[in-house]
Amino acid sequence: MSNSITHFQEKGIPDLELLTNSFLSTPTKHAEFIYGIAGVYLRAAAEYIGEVFTELNNAFRRSGKRRMEWVIVKDDTCTKTSFIGDVTYKKPERPAVFSASSASKR
């Protein structure tokens, strides 16, 4: 989560300043200003959500309980489209495959 926040500080804040300066030089362009500001925040929100989803998937992979019964075969990048834009995160291609130990429990 801190990566997306750091990225916003490095890229998002300067973008907001550019949009503000542009608006102050031509104050009649309200729509451009509003959509520009919204775009900066929506991109930051999508990055933040993607980072949270990635951390959640990593927590699932590190879970001792899940490791006893499941095996992660391959990591993949997933993109979900939402109303704020595309949210991209790393996830297993196949969530899990039964290991030999869990198959014998059934």
PDB file of N, CA and C in Angstrom:
ATOM      1  N   MET A   1       0.820  -1.188   0.000  1.00  0.00           N
ATOM      2  CA  MET A   1       0.000   0.000   0.000  1.00  0.00           C
ATOM      3  C   MET A   1       0.866   1.254   0.000  1.00  0.00           C
ATOM      4  N   SER A   2       2.008   1.150   0.636  1.00  0.00           N
ATOM      5  CA  SER A   2       2.866   2.331   0.698  1.00  0.00           C
ATOM      6  C   SER A   2       3.452   2.680  -0.667  1.00  0.00           C
ATOM      7  N   ASN A   3       3.584   1.688  -1.555  1.00  0.00           N
ATOM      8  CA  ASN A   3       4.103   1.986  -2.895  1.00  0.00           C
ATOM      9  C   ASN A   3       3.167   2.904  -3.666  1.00  0.00           C
ATOM     10  N   SER A   4       1.864   2.626  -3.595  1.00  0.00           N
ATOM     11  CA  SER A   4       0.918   3.456  -4.337  1.00  0.00           C
ATOM     12  C   SER A   4       0.831   4.855  -3.728  1.00  0.00           C
ATOM     13  N   ILE A   5       0.967   4.951  -2.420  1.00  0.00           N
ATOM     14  CA  ILE A   5       0.951   6.264  -1.764  1.00  0.00           C
ATOM     15  C   ILE A   5       2.195   7.058  -2.149  1.00  0.00           C
ATOM     16  N   THR A   6       3.345   6.385  -2.146  1.00  0.00           N
ATOM     17  CA  THR A   6       4.590   7.045  -2.553  1.00  0.00           C
ATOM     18  C   THR A   6       4.504   7.483  -4.013  1.00  0.00           C
ATOM     19  N   HIS A   7       3.958   6.612  -4.858  1.00  0.00           N
ATOM     20  CA  HIS A   7       3.804   6.957  -6.275  1.00  0.00           C
ATOM     21  C   HIS A   7       2.901   8.176  -6.445  1.00  0.00           C
ATOM     22  N   PHE A   8       1.831   8.246  -5.656  1.00  0.00           N
ATOM     23  CA  PHE A   8       0.939   9.400  -5.735  1.00  0.00           C
ATOM     24  C   PHE A   8       1.667  10.683  -5.320  1.00  0.00           C
ATOM     25  N   GLN A   9       2.484  10.584  -4.283  1.00  0.00           N
ATOM     26  CA  GLN A   9       3.239  11.766  -3.852  1.00  0.00           C
ATOM     27  C   GLN A   9       4.220  12.216  -4.926  1.00  0.00           C
ATOM     28  N   GLU A  10       4.844  11.253  -5.610  1.00  0.00           N
ATOM     29  CA  GLU A  10       5.847  11.591  -6.617  1.00  0.00           C
ATOM     30  C   GLU A  10       5.233  12.009  -7.950  1.00  0.00           C
ATOM     31  N   LYS A  11       4.122  11.386  -8.338  1.00  0.00           N
ATOM     32  CA  LYS A  11       3.539  11.655  -9.654  1.00  0.00           C
ATOM     33  C   LYS A  11       2.198  12.386  -9.562  1.00  0.00           C
ATOM     34  N   GLY A  12       1.350  11.981  -8.632  1.00  0.00           N
ATOM     35  CA  GLY A  12       0.007  12.541  -8.542  1.00  0.00           C
ATOM     36  C   GLY A  12      -0.015  13.996  -8.113  1.00  0.00           C
ATOM     37  N   ILE A  13       0.758  14.330  -7.082  1.00  0.00           N
ATOM     38  CA  ILE A  13       0.783  15.711  -6.587  1.00  0.00           C
ATOM     39  C   ILE A  13       1.283  16.671  -7.661  1.00  0.00           C
ATOM     40  N   PRO A  14       2.402  16.359  -8.347  1.00  0.00           N
ATOM     41  CA  PRO A  14       2.812  17.258  -9.435  1.00  0.00           C
ATOM     42  C   PRO A  14       1.752  17.384 -10.536  1.00  0.00           C
ATOM     43  N   ASP A  15       1.056  16.275 -10.849  1.00  0.00           N
ATOM     44  CA  ASP A  15      -0.016  16.355 -11.852  1.00  0.00           C
ATOM     45  C   ASP A  15      -1.125  17.288 -11.384  1.00  0.00           C
ATOM     46  N   LEU A  16      -1.485  17.207 -10.100  1.00  0.00           N
ATOM     47  CA  LEU A  16      -2.505  18.102  -9.548  1.00  0.00           C
ATOM     48  C   LEU A  16      -2.061  19.557  -9.628  1.00  0.00           C
ATOM     49  N   GLU A  17      -0.790  19.805  -9.343  1.00  0.00           N
ATOM     50  CA  GLU A  17      -0.267  21.173  -9.416  1.00  0.00           C
ATOM     51  C   GLU A  17      -0.308  21.695 -10.847  1.00  0.00           C
ATOM     52  N   LEU A  18       0.052  20.834 -11.825  1.00  0.00           N
ATOM     53  CA  LEU A  18      -0.015  21.259 -13.232  1.00  0.00           C
ATOM     54  C   LEU A  18      -1.444  21.580 -13.643  1.00  0.00           C
ATOM     55  N   LEU A  19      -2.384  20.722 -13.242  1.00  0.00           N
ATOM     56  CA  LEU A  19      -3.784  20.974 -13.571  1.00  0.00           C
ATOM     57  C   LEU A  19      -4.268  22.276 -12.937  1.00  0.00           C
ATOM     58  N   THR A  20      -3.883  22.513 -11.698  1.00  0.00           N
ATOM     59  CA  THR A  20      -4.290  23.737 -11.003  1.00  0.00           C
ATOM     60  C   THR A  20      -3.710  24.964 -11.681  1.00  0.00           C
ATOM     61  N   ASN A  21      -2.419  24.923 -12.008  1.00  0.00           N
ATOM     62  CA  ASN A  21      -1.785  26.059 -12.684  1.00  0.00           C
ATOM     63  C   ASN A  21      -2.418  26.314 -14.049  1.00  0.00           C
ATOM     64  N   SER A  22      -2.724  25.244 -14.761  1.00  0.00           N
ATOM     65  CA  SER A  22      -3.367  25.389 -16.065  1.00  0.00           C
ATOM     66  C   SER A  22      -4.750  26.030 -15.915  1.00  0.00           C
ATOM     67  N   PHE A  23      -5.491  25.591 -14.900  1.00  0.00           N
ATOM     68  CA  PHE A  23      -6.823  26.153 -14.663  1.00  0.00           C
ATOM     69  C   PHE A  23      -6.742  27.620 -14.249  1.00  0.00           C
ATOM     70  N   LEU A  24      -5.768  27.949 -13.424  1.00  0.00           N
ATOM     71  CA  LEU A  24      -5.636  29.340 -12.970  1.00  0.00           C
ATOM     72  C   LEU A  24      -5.257  30.266 -14.121  1.00  0.00           C
ATOM     73  N   SER A  25      -4.543  29.741 -15.126  1.00  0.00           N
ATOM     74  CA  SER A  25      -4.187  30.582 -16.269  1.00  0.00           C
ATOM     75  C   SER A  25      -5.365  30.735 -17.238  1.00  0.00           C
ATOM     76  N   THR A  26      -6.244  29.737 -17.312  1.00  0.00           N
ATOM     77  CA  THR A  26      -7.454  29.822 -18.137  1.00  0.00           C
ATOM     78  C   THR A  26      -8.642  29.322 -17.307  1.00  0.00           C
ATOM     79  N   PRO A  27      -9.180  30.180 -16.430  1.00  0.00           N
ATOM     80  CA  PRO A  27     -10.221  29.752 -15.493  1.00  0.00           C
ATOM     81  C   PRO A  27     -11.580  29.440 -16.105  1.00  0.00           C
ATOM     82  N   THR A  28     -11.701  29.529 -17.408  1.00  0.00           N
ATOM     83  CA  THR A  28     -12.987  29.211 -18.028  1.00  0.00           C
ATOM     84  C   THR A  28     -13.136  27.717 -18.314  1.00  0.00           C
ATOM     85  N   LYS A  29     -12.063  26.952 -18.190  1.00  0.00           N
ATOM     86  CA  LYS A  29     -12.084  25.525 -18.523  1.00  0.00           C
ATOM     87  C   LYS A  29     -12.379  24.688 -17.273  1.00  0.00           C
ATOM     88  N   HIS A  30     -13.600  24.843 -16.766  1.00  0.00           N
ATOM     89  CA  HIS A  30     -13.988  24.137 -15.543  1.00  0.00           C
ATOM     90  C   HIS A  30     -14.018  22.618 -15.734  1.00  0.00           C
ATOM     91  N   ALA A  31     -14.606  22.181 -16.827  1.00  0.00           N
ATOM     92  CA  ALA A  31     -14.764  20.743 -17.064  1.00  0.00           C
ATOM     93  C   ALA A  31     -13.409  20.049 -17.179  1.00  0.00           C
ATOM     94  N   GLU A  32     -12.482  20.658 -17.919  1.00  0.00           N
ATOM     95  CA  GLU A  32     -11.145  20.070 -18.044  1.00  0.00           C
ATOM     96  C   GLU A  32     -10.482  19.947 -16.683  1.00  0.00           C
ATOM     97  N   PHE A  33     -10.621  20.962 -15.871  1.00  0.00           N
ATOM     98  CA  PHE A  33     -10.028  20.949 -14.538  1.00  0.00           C
ATOM     99  C   PHE A  33     -10.644  19.839 -13.680  1.00  0.00           C
ATOM    100  N   ILE A  34     -11.965  19.774 -13.673  1.00  0.00           N
ATOM    101  CA  ILE A  34     -12.653  18.777 -12.845  1.00  0.00           C
ATOM    102  C   ILE A  34     -12.324  17.363 -13.303  1.00  0.00           C
ATOM    103  N   TYR A  35     -12.408  17.097 -14.603  1.00  0.00           N
ATOM    104  CA  TYR A  35     -12.101  15.758 -15.099  1.00  0.00           C
ATOM    105  C   TYR A  35     -10.631  15.400 -14.908  1.00  0.00           C
ATOM    106  N   GLY A  36      -9.760  16.369 -15.054  1.00  0.00           N
ATOM    107  CA  GLY A  36      -8.334  16.120 -14.832  1.00  0.00           C
ATOM    108  C   GLY A  36      -8.044  15.734 -13.390  1.00  0.00           C
ATOM    109  N   ILE A  37      -8.619  16.488 -12.452  1.00  0.00           N
ATOM    110  CA  ILE A  37      -8.433  16.188 -11.024  1.00  0.00           C
ATOM    111  C   ILE A  37      -9.015  14.818 -10.703  1.00  0.00           C
ATOM    112  N   ALA A  38     -10.214  14.550 -11.199  1.00  0.00           N
ATOM    113  CA  ALA A  38     -10.849  13.251 -10.950  1.00  0.00           C
ATOM    114  C   ALA A  38      -9.989  12.118 -11.496  1.00  0.00           C
ATOM    115  N   GLY A  39      -9.418  12.308 -12.682  1.00  0.00           N
ATOM    116  CA  GLY A  39      -8.571  11.276 -13.280  1.00  0.00           C
ATOM    117  C   GLY A  39      -7.360  10.948 -12.438  1.00  0.00           C
ATOM    118  N   VAL A  40      -6.728  11.978 -11.888  1.00  0.00           N
ATOM    119  CA  VAL A  40      -5.552  11.762 -11.035  1.00  0.00           C
ATOM    120  C   VAL A  40      -5.936  10.925  -9.811  1.00  0.00           C
ATOM    121  N   TYR A  41      -7.022  11.283  -9.164  1.00  0.00           N
ATOM    122  CA  TYR A  41      -7.441  10.553  -7.969  1.00  0.00           C
ATOM    123  C   TYR A  41      -7.938   9.145  -8.300  1.00  0.00           C
ATOM    124  N   LEU A  42      -8.631   8.981  -9.404  1.00  0.00           N
ATOM    125  CA  LEU A  42      -9.113   7.652  -9.769  1.00  0.00           C
ATOM    126  C   LEU A  42      -7.964   6.714 -10.118  1.00  0.00           C
ATOM    127  N   ARG A  43      -6.944   7.214 -10.808  1.00  0.00           N
ATOM    128  CA  ARG A  43      -5.757   6.392 -11.088  1.00  0.00           C
ATOM    129  C   ARG A  43      -5.074   5.987  -9.790  1.00  0.00           C
ATOM    130  N   ALA A  44      -4.964   6.927  -8.849  1.00  0.00           N
ATOM    131  CA  ALA A  44      -4.344   6.618  -7.549  1.00  0.00           C
ATOM    132  C   ALA A  44      -5.174   5.580  -6.800  1.00  0.00           C
ATOM    133  N   ALA A  45      -6.492   5.698  -6.859  1.00  0.00           N
ATOM    134  CA  ALA A  45      -7.360   4.733  -6.174  1.00  0.00           C
ATOM    135  C   ALA A  45      -7.216   3.345  -6.795  1.00  0.00           C
ATOM    136  N   ALA A  46      -7.162   3.266  -8.116  1.00  0.00           N
ATOM    137  CA  ALA A  46      -7.010   1.966  -8.782  1.00  0.00           C
ATOM    138  C   ALA A  46      -5.677   1.321  -8.418  1.00  0.00           C
ATOM    139  N   GLU A  47      -4.600   2.100  -8.364  1.00  0.00           N
ATOM    140  CA  GLU A  47      -3.299   1.565  -7.958  1.00  0.00           C
ATOM    141  C   GLU A  47      -3.336   1.071  -6.520  1.00  0.00           C
ATOM    142  N   TYR A  48      -3.968   1.828  -5.644  1.00  0.00           N
ATOM    143  CA  TYR A  48      -4.064   1.455  -4.235  1.00  0.00           C
ATOM    144  C   TYR A  48      -4.854   0.149  -4.077  1.00  0.00           C
ATOM    145  N   ILE A  49      -5.982   0.043  -4.763  1.00  0.00           N
ATOM    146  CA  ILE A  49      -6.804  -1.168  -4.682  1.00  0.00           C
ATOM    147  C   ILE A  49      -6.023  -2.367  -5.226  1.00  0.00           C
ATOM    148  N   GLY A  50      -5.336  -2.196  -6.340  1.00  0.00           N
ATOM    149  CA  GLY A  50      -4.522  -3.274  -6.893  1.00  0.00           C
ATOM    150  C   GLY A  50      -3.447  -3.727  -5.933  1.00  0.00           C
ATOM    151  N   GLU A  51      -2.835  -2.787  -5.247  1.00  0.00           N
ATOM    152  CA  GLU A  51      -1.792  -3.129  -4.278  1.00  0.00           C
ATOM    153  C   GLU A  51      -2.383  -3.887  -3.087  1.00  0.00           C
ATOM    154  N   VAL A  52      -3.564  -3.480  -2.629  1.00  0.00           N
ATOM    155  CA  VAL A  52      -4.222  -4.190  -1.532  1.00  0.00           C
ATOM    156  C   VAL A  52      -4.588  -5.613  -1.958  1.00  0.00           C
ATOM    157  N   PHE A  53      -5.124  -5.780  -3.183  1.00  0.00           N
ATOM    158  CA  PHE A  53      -5.462  -7.117  -3.680  1.00  0.00           C
ATOM    159  C   PHE A  53      -4.215  -7.998  -3.766  1.00  0.00           C
ATOM    160  N   THR A  54      -3.103  -7.441  -4.228  1.00  0.00           N
ATOM    161  CA  THR A  54      -1.854  -8.196  -4.309  1.00  0.00           C
ATOM    162  C   THR A  54      -1.399  -8.626  -2.920  1.00  0.00           C
ATOM    163  N   GLU A  55      -1.465  -7.726  -1.943  1.00  0.00           N
ATOM    164  CA  GLU A  55      -1.078  -8.080  -0.576  1.00  0.00           C
ATOM    165  C   GLU A  55      -1.979  -9.164  -0.004  1.00  0.00           C
ATOM    166  N   LEU A  56      -3.260  -9.106  -0.310  1.00  0.00           N
ATOM    167  CA  LEU A  56      -4.189 -10.137   0.153  1.00  0.00           C
ATOM    168  C   LEU A  56      -3.839 -11.490  -0.454  1.00  0.00           C
ATOM    169  N   ASN A  57      -3.561 -11.523  -1.757  1.00  0.00           N
ATOM    170  CA  ASN A  57      -3.157 -12.777  -2.395  1.00  0.00           C
ATOM    171  C   ASN A  57      -1.860 -13.312  -1.802  1.00  0.00           C
ATOM    172  N   ASN A  58      -0.919 -12.429  -1.497  1.00  0.00           N
ATOM    173  CA  ASN A  58       0.328 -12.867  -0.866  1.00  0.00           C
ATOM    174  C   ASN A  58       0.069 -13.445   0.519  1.00  0.00           C
ATOM    175  N   ALA A  59      -0.841 -12.848   1.269  1.00  0.00           N
ATOM    176  CA  ALA A  59      -1.179 -13.380   2.586  1.00  0.00           C
ATOM    177  C   ALA A  59      -1.786 -14.773   2.456  1.00  0.00           C
ATOM    178  N   PHE A  60      -2.637 -14.977   1.452  1.00  0.00           N
ATOM    179  CA  PHE A  60      -3.197 -16.307   1.222  1.00  0.00           C
ATOM    180  C   PHE A  60      -2.091 -17.310   0.905  1.00  0.00           C
ATOM    181  N   ARG A  61      -1.124 -16.902   0.084  1.00  0.00           N
ATOM    182  CA  ARG A  61      -0.029 -17.808  -0.276  1.00  0.00           C
ATOM    183  C   ARG A  61       0.833 -18.163   0.924  1.00  0.00           C
ATOM    184  N   ARG A  62       1.032 -17.225   1.850  1.00  0.00           N
ATOM    185  CA  ARG A  62       1.888 -17.473   3.020  1.00  0.00           C
ATOM    186  C   ARG A  62       1.160 -18.210   4.144  1.00  0.00           C
ATOM    187  N   SER A  63      -0.133 -18.341   4.052  1.00  0.00           N
ATOM    188  CA  SER A  63      -0.920 -18.964   5.110  1.00  0.00           C
ATOM    189  C   SER A  63      -0.505 -20.424   5.312  1.00  0.00           C
ATOM    190  N   GLY A  64      -0.100 -20.757   6.511  1.00  0.00           N
ATOM    191  CA  GLY A  64       0.306 -22.124   6.822  1.00  0.00           C
ATOM    192  C   GLY A  64      -0.815 -23.114   6.639  1.00  0.00           C
ATOM    193  N   LYS A  65      -2.006 -22.733   7.016  1.00  0.00           N
ATOM    194  CA  LYS A  65      -3.167 -23.617   6.875  1.00  0.00           C
ATOM    195  C   LYS A  65      -3.432 -23.926   5.405  1.00  0.00           C
ATOM    196  N   ARG A  66      -3.358 -22.936   4.566  1.00  0.00           N
ATOM    197  CA  ARG A  66      -3.601 -23.156   3.138  1.00  0.00           C
ATOM    198  C   ARG A  66      -2.468 -23.948   2.499  1.00  0.00           C
ATOM    199  N   ARG A  67      -1.244 -23.759   2.962  1.00  0.00           N
ATOM    200  CA  ARG A  67      -0.110 -24.491   2.393  1.00  0.00           C
ATOM    201  C   ARG A  67      -0.212 -25.996   2.659  1.00  0.00           C
ATOM    202  N   MET A  68      -0.880 -26.377   3.752  1.00  0.00           N
ATOM    203  CA  MET A  68      -1.022 -27.809   4.038  1.00  0.00           C
ATOM    204  C   MET A  68      -1.927 -28.488   3.026  1.00  0.00           C
ATOM    205  N   GLU A  69      -2.872 -27.757   2.428  1.00  0.00           N
ATOM    206  CA  GLU A  69      -3.845 -28.387   1.552  1.00  0.00           C
ATOM    207  C   GLU A  69      -3.804 -27.913   0.103  1.00  0.00           C
ATOM    208  N   TRP A  70      -3.153 -26.793  -0.166  1.00  0.00           N
ATOM    209  CA  TRP A  70      -3.177 -26.225  -1.508  1.00  0.00           C
ATOM    210  C   TRP A  70      -1.771 -25.916  -1.984  1.00  0.00           C
ATOM    211  N   VAL A  71      -1.607 -25.931  -3.297  1.00  0.00           N
ATOM    212  CA  VAL A  71      -0.334 -25.593  -3.913  1.00  0.00           C
ATOM    213  C   VAL A  71      -0.602 -24.539  -4.982  1.00  0.00           C
ATOM    214  N   ILE A  72       0.090 -23.420  -4.909  1.00  0.00           N
ATOM    215  CA  ILE A  72      -0.025 -22.394  -5.947  1.00  0.00           C
ATOM    216  C   ILE A  72       0.849 -22.831  -7.113  1.00  0.00           C
ATOM    217  N   VAL A  73       0.260 -22.936  -8.283  1.00  0.00           N
ATOM    218  CA  VAL A  73       0.966 -23.446  -9.434  1.00  0.00           C
ATOM    219  C   VAL A  73       1.691 -22.335 -10.178  1.00  0.00           C
ATOM    220  N   LYS A  74       1.005 -21.206 -10.400  1.00  0.00           N
ATOM    221  CA  LYS A  74       1.594 -20.150 -11.220  1.00  0.00           C
ATOM    222  C   LYS A  74       0.998 -18.809 -10.812  1.00  0.00           C
ATOM    223  N   ASP A  75       1.831 -17.785 -10.837  1.00  0.00           N
ATOM    224  CA  ASP A  75       1.351 -16.424 -10.604  1.00  0.00           C
ATOM    225  C   ASP A  75       0.954 -15.810 -11.940  1.00  0.00           C
ATOM    226  N   ASP A  76      -0.017 -14.932 -11.897  1.00  0.00           N
ATOM    227  CA  ASP A  76      -0.461 -14.266 -13.106  1.00  0.00           C
ATOM    228  C   ASP A  76      -0.893 -12.855 -12.735  1.00  0.00           C
ATOM    229  N   THR A  77      -0.928 -11.979 -13.693  1.00  0.00           N
ATOM    230  CA  THR A  77      -1.431 -10.634 -13.474  1.00  0.00           C
ATOM    231  C   THR A  77      -2.876 -10.586 -13.929  1.00  0.00           C
ATOM    232  N   CYS A  78      -3.712 -10.007 -13.111  1.00  0.00           N
ATOM    233  CA  CYS A  78      -5.139  -9.937 -13.398  1.00  0.00           C
ATOM    234  C   CYS A  78      -5.551  -8.465 -13.466  1.00  0.00           C
ATOM    235  N   THR A  79      -6.400  -8.141 -14.419  1.00  0.00           N
ATOM    236  CA  THR A  79      -6.946  -6.794 -14.514  1.00  0.00           C
ATOM    237  C   THR A  79      -8.458  -6.886 -14.449  1.00  0.00           C
ATOM    238  N   LYS A  80      -9.034  -6.154 -13.517  1.00  0.00           N
ATOM    239  CA  LYS A  80     -10.486  -6.080 -13.369  1.00  0.00           C
ATOM    240  C   LYS A  80     -10.905  -4.660 -13.713  1.00  0.00           C
ATOM    241  N   THR A  81     -11.954  -4.535 -14.480  1.00  0.00           N
ATOM    242  CA  THR A  81     -12.468  -3.223 -14.831  1.00  0.00           C
ATOM    243  C   THR A  81     -13.547  -2.842 -13.831  1.00  0.00           C
ATOM    244  N   SER A  82     -13.412  -1.653 -13.260  1.00  0.00           N
ATOM    245  CA  SER A  82     -14.387  -1.163 -12.296  1.00  0.00           C
ATOM    246  C   SER A  82     -14.799   0.250 -12.706  1.00  0.00           C
ATOM    247  N   PHE A  83     -15.704   0.830 -11.950  1.00  0.00           N
ATOM    248  CA  PHE A  83     -16.164   2.173 -12.302  1.00  0.00           C
ATOM    249  C   PHE A  83     -15.083   3.233 -12.117  1.00  0.00           C
ATOM    250  N   ILE A  84     -14.023   2.917 -11.376  1.00  0.00           N
ATOM    251  CA  ILE A  84     -12.931   3.883 -11.228  1.00  0.00           C
ATOM    252  C   ILE A  84     -11.823   3.651 -12.243  1.00  0.00           C
ATOM    253  N   GLY A  85     -11.923   2.579 -13.008  1.00  0.00           N
ATOM    254  CA  GLY A  85     -10.912   2.268 -14.007  1.00  0.00           C
ATOM    255  C   GLY A  85     -10.419   0.847 -13.839  1.00  0.00           C
ATOM    256  N   ASP A  86      -9.368   0.497 -14.556  1.00  0.00           N
ATOM    257  CA  ASP A  86      -8.809  -0.844 -14.478  1.00  0.00           C
ATOM    258  C   ASP A  86      -7.977  -0.995 -13.214  1.00  0.00           C
ATOM    259  N   VAL A  87      -8.208  -2.102 -12.500  1.00  0.00           N
ATOM    260  CA  VAL A  87      -7.449  -2.436 -11.297  1.00  0.00           C
ATOM    261  C   VAL A  87      -6.622  -3.661 -11.640  1.00  0.00           C
ATOM    262  N   THR A  88      -5.300  -3.546 -11.567  1.00  0.00           N
ATOM    263  CA  THR A  88      -4.397  -4.636 -11.921  1.00  0.00           C
ATOM    264  C   THR A  88      -3.668  -5.115 -10.678  1.00  0.00           C
ATOM    265  N   TYR A  89      -3.595  -6.437 -10.541  1.00  0.00           N
ATOM    266  CA  TYR A  89      -2.880  -7.018  -9.405  1.00  0.00           C
ATOM    267  C   TYR A  89      -2.362  -8.395  -9.782  1.00  0.00           C
ATOM    268  N   LYS A  90      -1.404  -8.906  -8.972  1.00  0.00           N
ATOM    269  CA  LYS A  90      -0.860 -10.241  -9.193  1.00  0.00           C
ATOM    270  C   LYS A  90      -1.725 -11.246  -8.467  1.00  0.00           C
ATOM    271  N   LYS A  91      -2.050 -12.327  -9.159  1.00  0.00           N
ATOM    272  CA  LYS A  91      -2.831 -13.387  -8.537  1.00  0.00           C
ATOM    273  C   LYS A  91      -2.413 -14.721  -9.132  1.00  0.00           C
ATOM    274  N   PRO A  92      -2.730 -15.800  -8.461  1.00  0.00           N
ATOM    275  CA  PRO A  92      -2.437 -17.097  -9.061  1.00  0.00           C
ATOM    276  C   PRO A  92      -3.296 -17.308 -10.301  1.00  0.00           C
ATOM    277  N   GLU A  93      -2.719 -17.920 -11.330  1.00  0.00           N
ATOM    278  CA  GLU A  93      -3.504 -18.197 -12.538  1.00  0.00           C
ATOM    279  C   GLU A  93      -4.611 -19.182 -12.194  1.00  0.00           C
ATOM    280  N   ARG A  94      -4.237 -20.261 -11.551  1.00  0.00           N
ATOM    281  CA  ARG A  94      -5.219 -21.190 -11.019  1.00  0.00           C
ATOM    282  C   ARG A  94      -5.127 -21.036  -9.516  1.00  0.00           C
ATOM    283  N   PRO A  95      -6.211 -20.707  -8.838  1.00  0.00           N
ATOM    284  CA  PRO A  95      -6.137 -20.410  -7.414  1.00  0.00           C
ATOM    285  C   PRO A  95      -5.418 -21.479  -6.612  1.00  0.00           C
ATOM    286  N   ALA A  96      -5.651 -22.739  -6.917  1.00  0.00           N
ATOM    287  CA  ALA A  96      -4.972 -23.779  -6.169  1.00  0.00           C
ATOM    288  C   ALA A  96      -5.197 -25.117  -6.845  1.00  0.00           C
ATOM    289  N   VAL A  97      -4.340 -26.031  -6.516  1.00  0.00           N
ATOM    290  CA  VAL A  97      -4.464 -27.399  -6.985  1.00  0.00           C
ATOM    291  C   VAL A  97      -4.377 -28.275  -5.748  1.00  0.00           C
ATOM    292  N   PHE A  98      -5.212 -29.316  -5.673  1.00  0.00           N
ATOM    293  CA  PHE A  98      -5.132 -30.206  -4.526  1.00  0.00           C
ATOM    294  C   PHE A  98      -3.764 -30.842  -4.462  1.00  0.00           C
ATOM    295  N   SER A  99      -3.208 -30.861  -3.276  1.00  0.00           N
ATOM    296  CA  SER A  99      -1.971 -31.601  -3.081  1.00  0.00           C
ATOM    297  C   SER A  99      -2.330 -33.031  -2.737  1.00  0.00           C
ATOM    298  N   ALA A 100      -1.350 -33.919  -2.730  1.00  0.00           N
ATOM    299  CA  ALA A 100      -1.603 -35.332  -2.440  1.00  0.00           C
ATOM    300  C   ALA A 100      -2.172 -35.505  -1.032  1.00  0.00           C
ATOM    301  N   SER A 101      -1.718 -34.696  -0.068  1.00  0.00           N
ATOM    302  CA  SER A 101      -2.174 -34.856   1.302  1.00  0.00           C
ATOM    303  C   SER A 101      -3.643 -34.507   1.456  1.00  0.00           C
ATOM    304  N   SER A 102      -4.138 -33.482   0.775  1.00  0.00           N
ATOM    305  CA  SER A 102      -5.538 -33.103   0.918  1.00  0.00           C
ATOM    306  C   SER A 102      -6.444 -34.036   0.137  1.00  0.00           C
ATOM    307  N   ALA A 103      -5.960 -34.592  -0.969  1.00  0.00           N
ATOM    308  CA  ALA A 103      -6.783 -35.503  -1.738  1.00  0.00           C
ATOM    309  C   ALA A 103      -7.066 -36.776  -0.956  1.00  0.00           C
ATOM    310  N   SER A 104      -6.130 -37.183  -0.137  1.00  0.00           N
ATOM    311  CA  SER A 104      -6.344 -38.400   0.640  1.00  0.00           C
ATOM    312  C   SER A 104      -7.310 -38.166   1.799  1.00  0.00           C
ATOM    313  N   LYS A 105      -7.556 -36.929   2.195  1.00  0.00           N
ATOM    314  CA  LYS A 105      -8.469 -36.633   3.274  1.00  0.00           C
ATOM    315  C   LYS A 105      -9.918 -36.732   2.848  1.00  0.00           C
ATOM    316  N   ARG A 106     -10.178 -36.685   1.568  1.00  0.00           N
ATOM    317  CA  ARG A 106     -11.551 -36.686   1.059  1.00  0.00           C
ATOM    318  C   ARG A 106     -12.138 -38.041   1.015  1.00  0.00           C
TER     319      ARG A 106
END
